[in-house]
Protein backbone atom coordinates (compact mmCIF):
# COMPACT_ATOMS: atom_id res chain seq x y z
CA UNK A 1 -34.73 -11.25 -7.00
CA UNK A 2 -31.74 -11.94 -9.23
CA UNK A 3 -31.75 -8.25 -10.19
CA UNK A 4 -31.42 -7.22 -6.54
CA UNK A 5 -28.63 -4.73 -5.95
CA UNK A 6 -27.19 -5.25 -2.50
CA UNK A 7 -26.09 -2.07 -0.73
CA UNK A 8 -22.32 -1.96 -0.39
CA UNK A 9 -21.05 -3.79 2.70
CA UNK A 10 -24.60 -4.60 3.77
CA UNK A 11 -23.35 -7.71 5.63
CA UNK A 12 -20.53 -5.92 7.43
CA UNK A 13 -19.91 -7.07 11.01
CA UNK A 14 -22.09 -10.15 10.47
CA UNK A 15 -21.05 -13.76 11.06
CA UNK A 16 -22.53 -16.23 8.57
CA UNK A 17 -22.14 -20.01 8.55
CA UNK A 18 -22.20 -21.69 5.13
CA UNK A 19 -22.44 -25.48 4.83
CA UNK A 20 -21.17 -27.15 1.69
CA UNK A 21 -18.88 -24.16 1.30
CA UNK A 22 -16.11 -25.95 -0.55
CA UNK A 23 -17.61 -25.94 -4.03
CA UNK A 24 -20.48 -24.87 -6.28
CA UNK A 25 -23.20 -22.67 -4.84
CA UNK A 26 -21.75 -22.85 -1.32
CA UNK A 27 -18.42 -21.50 -2.51
CA UNK A 28 -20.09 -18.74 -4.55
CA UNK A 29 -22.24 -17.73 -1.57
CA UNK A 30 -19.31 -17.72 0.84
CA UNK A 31 -17.40 -15.40 -1.47
CA UNK A 32 -20.45 -13.19 -2.06
CA UNK A 33 -21.13 -12.83 1.67
CA UNK A 34 -17.47 -12.12 2.40
CA UNK A 35 -17.37 -9.50 -0.37
CA UNK A 36 -20.20 -7.73 1.43
CA UNK A 37 -18.24 -7.60 4.68
CA UNK A 38 -19.32 -10.78 6.47
CA UNK A 39 -17.09 -13.07 8.48
CA UNK A 40 -17.86 -16.44 6.93
CA UNK A 41 -17.58 -19.82 8.64
CA UNK A 42 -16.78 -22.41 5.98
CA UNK A 43 -18.24 -25.82 6.81
CA UNK A 44 -17.83 -28.94 4.71
CA UNK A 45 -16.45 -32.48 4.56
CA UNK A 46 -13.27 -31.88 2.58
CA UNK A 47 -10.67 -29.71 4.27
CA UNK A 48 -8.67 -29.09 1.10
CA UNK A 49 -11.66 -27.57 -0.70
CA UNK A 50 -12.47 -25.37 2.30
CA UNK A 51 -8.87 -24.19 2.42
CA UNK A 52 -9.05 -23.21 -1.25
CA UNK A 53 -12.12 -21.03 -0.60
CA UNK A 54 -10.45 -19.64 2.52
CA UNK A 55 -7.44 -18.64 0.39
CA UNK A 56 -9.70 -16.98 -2.19
CA UNK A 57 -11.31 -14.89 0.55
CA UNK A 58 -7.90 -13.96 1.95
CA UNK A 59 -6.51 -13.04 -1.47
CA UNK A 60 -9.47 -10.75 -2.13
CA UNK A 61 -8.88 -8.87 1.13
CA UNK A 62 -12.25 -9.78 2.62
CA UNK A 63 -12.75 -10.39 6.37
CA UNK A 64 -10.85 -13.46 7.52
CA UNK A 65 -12.94 -16.62 7.28
CA UNK A 66 -12.99 -19.60 9.61
CA UNK A 67 -12.87 -23.27 8.61
CA UNK A 68 -14.94 -25.97 10.33
CA UNK A 69 -14.61 -29.43 8.73
CA UNK A 70 -17.62 -31.63 9.52
CA UNK A 71 -19.29 -34.61 7.85
CA UNK A 72 -23.01 -33.90 8.20
CA UNK A 73 -23.91 -37.50 7.40
CA UNK A 74 -22.14 -38.65 10.56
CA UNK A 75 -22.27 -35.62 12.86
CA UNK A 76 -23.78 -36.01 16.32
CA UNK A 77 -25.87 -33.70 18.49
CA UNK A 78 -22.75 -33.14 20.60
CA UNK A 79 -20.76 -31.97 17.58
CA UNK A 80 -23.46 -29.47 16.61
CA UNK A 81 -23.55 -28.15 20.17
CA UNK A 82 -19.74 -27.91 20.18
CA UNK A 83 -19.85 -25.99 16.90
CA UNK A 84 -22.36 -23.49 18.27
CA UNK A 85 -20.33 -23.09 21.46
CA UNK A 86 -17.16 -22.59 19.42
CA UNK A 87 -18.81 -19.85 17.37
CA UNK A 88 -19.96 -18.19 20.59
CA UNK A 89 -16.52 -18.40 22.20
CA UNK A 90 -14.52 -17.27 19.15
CA UNK A 91 -16.84 -14.75 17.53
CA UNK A 92 -19.51 -13.97 20.11
CA UNK A 93 -22.35 -13.94 17.60
CA UNK A 94 -24.05 -15.63 14.65
CA UNK A 95 -26.20 -13.69 12.20
CA UNK A 96 -27.01 -16.23 9.53
CA UNK A 97 -26.80 -19.79 8.23
CA UNK A 98 -26.91 -20.99 4.65
CA UNK A 99 -27.65 -24.71 4.56
CA UNK A 100 -26.21 -25.61 1.19
CA UNK A 101 -24.64 -29.02 1.84
CA UNK A 102 -26.60 -31.79 0.17
CA UNK A 103 -26.41 -35.53 -0.43
CA UNK A 104 -27.25 -36.79 -3.92
CA UNK A 105 -26.06 -39.92 -5.67
CA UNK A 106 -28.13 -40.67 -8.77
CA UNK A 107 -31.61 -40.83 -10.25
CA UNK A 108 -33.43 -44.15 -9.95
CA UNK A 109 -36.95 -45.54 -9.49
CA UNK A 110 -38.26 -45.84 -5.94
CA UNK A 111 -38.56 -49.62 -6.20
CA UNK A 112 -34.76 -49.90 -6.43
CA UNK A 113 -34.00 -47.53 -3.56
CA UNK A 114 -33.18 -48.88 -0.13
CA UNK A 115 -33.88 -47.85 3.44
CA UNK A 116 -30.16 -47.20 3.83
CA UNK A 117 -30.22 -44.77 0.92
CA UNK A 118 -33.26 -42.98 2.37
CA UNK A 119 -31.49 -42.75 5.71
CA UNK A 120 -28.40 -41.09 4.23
CA UNK A 121 -30.50 -38.61 2.29
CA UNK A 122 -32.62 -37.71 5.30
CA UNK A 123 -29.59 -37.41 7.56
CA UNK A 124 -27.71 -34.92 5.39
CA UNK A 125 -30.58 -33.06 3.72
CA UNK A 126 -33.06 -32.82 6.60
CA UNK A 127 -31.81 -33.91 10.01
CA UNK A 128 -28.44 -32.16 9.79
CA UNK A 129 -29.83 -28.71 8.90
CA UNK A 130 -32.50 -29.13 11.58
CA UNK A 131 -29.97 -30.12 14.23
CA UNK A 132 -27.46 -27.43 13.29
CA UNK A 133 -30.11 -24.70 13.25
CA UNK A 134 -31.49 -25.89 16.57
CA UNK A 135 -28.02 -25.84 18.16
CA UNK A 136 -27.39 -22.32 16.86
CA UNK A 137 -30.85 -20.96 17.65
CA UNK A 138 -29.85 -19.18 20.90
CA UNK A 139 -27.15 -17.26 19.00
CA UNK A 140 -29.48 -16.43 16.12
CA UNK A 141 -32.20 -15.20 18.47
CA UNK A 142 -29.74 -12.79 20.09
CA UNK A 143 -28.76 -11.25 16.74
CA UNK A 144 -30.23 -7.89 15.80
CA UNK A 145 -31.15 -9.25 12.37
CA UNK A 146 -30.67 -12.93 11.50
CA UNK A 147 -31.50 -15.15 8.55
CA UNK A 148 -31.50 -18.90 7.88
CA UNK A 149 -31.62 -20.17 4.30
CA UNK A 150 -32.21 -23.80 3.44
CA UNK A 151 -31.68 -25.26 -0.02
CA UNK A 152 -34.25 -27.33 -1.85
CA UNK A 153 -34.55 -28.67 -5.39
CA UNK A 154 -37.06 -28.25 -8.20
CA UNK A 155 -37.95 -31.95 -8.04
CA UNK A 156 -39.02 -31.56 -4.41
CA UNK A 157 -41.20 -28.51 -5.00
CA UNK A 158 -42.59 -29.94 -8.25
CA UNK A 159 -42.25 -33.73 -7.76
CA UNK A 160 -40.63 -35.62 -10.61
CA UNK A 161 -40.11 -39.30 -11.26
CA UNK A 162 -36.82 -40.93 -10.27
CA UNK A 163 -35.75 -38.25 -7.79
CA UNK A 164 -36.88 -40.50 -4.94
CA UNK A 165 -35.17 -40.11 -1.57
CA UNK A 166 -33.45 -36.87 -2.52
CA UNK A 167 -36.68 -35.12 -3.46
CA UNK A 168 -38.49 -36.53 -0.42
CA UNK A 169 -35.79 -35.24 1.93
CA UNK A 170 -35.82 -31.79 0.36
CA UNK A 171 -39.62 -31.65 0.35
CA UNK A 172 -39.56 -32.42 4.07
CA UNK A 173 -37.05 -29.59 4.52
CA UNK A 174 -39.53 -27.19 2.90
CA UNK A 175 -42.19 -28.25 5.40
CA UNK A 176 -39.69 -27.87 8.23
CA UNK A 177 -38.97 -24.29 7.16
CA UNK A 178 -42.65 -23.37 6.97
CA UNK A 179 -43.35 -24.80 10.44
CA UNK A 180 -40.30 -23.12 11.94
CA UNK A 181 -41.24 -19.78 10.39
CA UNK A 182 -44.62 -19.98 12.12
CA UNK A 183 -43.02 -20.85 15.44
CA UNK A 184 -40.56 -17.95 15.11
CA UNK A 185 -43.24 -15.32 14.55
CA UNK A 186 -42.50 -14.07 18.09
CA UNK A 187 -38.87 -13.42 16.98
CA UNK A 188 -39.20 -10.69 14.35
CA UNK A 189 -35.41 -10.41 14.16
CA UNK A 190 -35.08 -13.99 12.82
CA UNK A 191 -36.38 -15.37 9.54
CA UNK A 192 -36.04 -18.67 7.71
CA UNK A 193 -36.62 -19.35 4.01
CA UNK A 194 -36.02 -21.87 1.24
CA UNK A 195 -34.11 -21.33 -2.02
CA UNK A 196 -34.42 -23.58 -5.05
CA UNK A 197 -31.34 -22.74 -7.13
CA UNK A 198 -32.55 -24.18 -10.42
CA UNK A 199 -30.31 -24.92 -13.39
CA UNK A 200 -26.90 -23.49 -12.55
CA UNK A 201 -23.39 -24.84 -12.84
CA UNK A 202 -22.69 -26.94 -9.75
CA UNK A 203 -21.49 -30.50 -9.05
CA UNK A 204 -24.95 -31.85 -8.23
CA UNK A 205 -26.45 -30.51 -11.45
CA UNK A 206 -23.68 -32.16 -13.43
CA UNK A 207 -24.49 -35.53 -11.84
CA UNK A 208 -28.28 -35.23 -12.12
CA UNK A 209 -28.31 -33.95 -15.72
CA UNK A 210 -25.32 -35.63 -17.43
CA UNK A 211 -26.72 -34.95 -20.90
CA UNK A 212 -26.56 -31.18 -20.52
CA UNK A 213 -23.75 -29.00 -21.78
CA UNK A 214 -22.84 -27.88 -18.29
CA UNK A 215 -20.85 -24.86 -19.44
CA UNK A 216 -23.96 -23.42 -21.12
CA UNK A 217 -25.77 -23.04 -17.79
CA UNK A 218 -25.57 -19.85 -15.72
CA UNK A 219 -22.75 -19.82 -13.18
CA UNK A 220 -23.65 -20.01 -9.51
CA UNK A 221 -22.69 -16.36 -9.16
CA UNK A 222 -25.73 -15.44 -11.29
CA UNK A 223 -28.13 -16.28 -8.46
CA UNK A 224 -26.15 -14.66 -5.64
CA UNK A 225 -28.32 -11.50 -5.61
CA UNK A 226 -31.18 -13.63 -4.22
CA UNK A 227 -28.94 -15.04 -1.50
CA UNK A 228 -27.67 -11.57 -0.62
CA UNK A 229 -31.24 -10.29 -0.42
CA UNK A 230 -32.38 -13.07 1.90
CA UNK A 231 -29.31 -12.85 4.12
CA UNK A 232 -29.46 -9.07 4.48
CA UNK A 233 -31.74 -6.66 6.27
CA UNK A 234 -33.81 -5.85 3.17
CA UNK A 235 -35.61 -9.20 3.56
CA UNK A 236 -36.61 -8.47 7.15
CA UNK A 237 -40.12 -9.82 7.78
CA UNK A 238 -39.94 -12.30 4.90
CA UNK A 239 -40.13 -15.80 6.37
CA UNK A 240 -41.44 -19.25 5.52
CA UNK A 241 -41.21 -18.59 1.78
CA UNK A 242 -39.90 -20.65 -1.11
CA UNK A 243 -37.83 -18.79 -3.71
CA UNK A 244 -37.02 -20.31 -7.10
CA UNK A 245 -33.85 -18.63 -8.30
CA UNK A 246 -34.04 -20.05 -11.80
CA UNK A 247 -36.56 -22.32 -13.45
CA UNK A 248 -35.17 -25.74 -14.30
CA UNK A 249 -34.41 -26.38 -17.94
């Protein structure tokens, strides 16, 4: 799908929430969605990074974005509900969510990993996207055409040694998506899918593959056609699927 040509302004009038929007793939997606006419809600931990992306969107003349700082590792059910209510009050609608925020520290054997580490991974990579989607579900169900995209990793879909808690949390997210897609079959206007970005330039890839020449990898913008396809109407009816944007190298 990386050769997909999105129709001009095919996300116009839509409101799309992007987590992890301050850098890497989240930043690229926020800009790509805004370029296609969407009002983007930028969610992340670091306000300064979100403000930089906000300024990029403003400078390009795209629809004005919104900023919502939130630490997904610590967020409560009440904060997710407040976020959804805020979106409803300020914008009146929500047409899509890209769950791009992710927790990753380093590669190590399972025998050295702790319950605390597993807990942090599961909280950010699995529980947070579940809770945020659940809180926003009433808004998404009311949309004419809505899409939820969750982010996985190659090591979760094709298990690899030393990826431990990170891979386990992302693998669980894939199962979550497949179950939710089945439960949403009565809502043909709403779909949910998984994207595995693969080997692209992003902060997590730099940490997980320190021996690579990072600059030789494709930029995150190279895989945006897939994200635009899944977020737009052309992917209507496609749900519960796993898309590998690029094969890992």
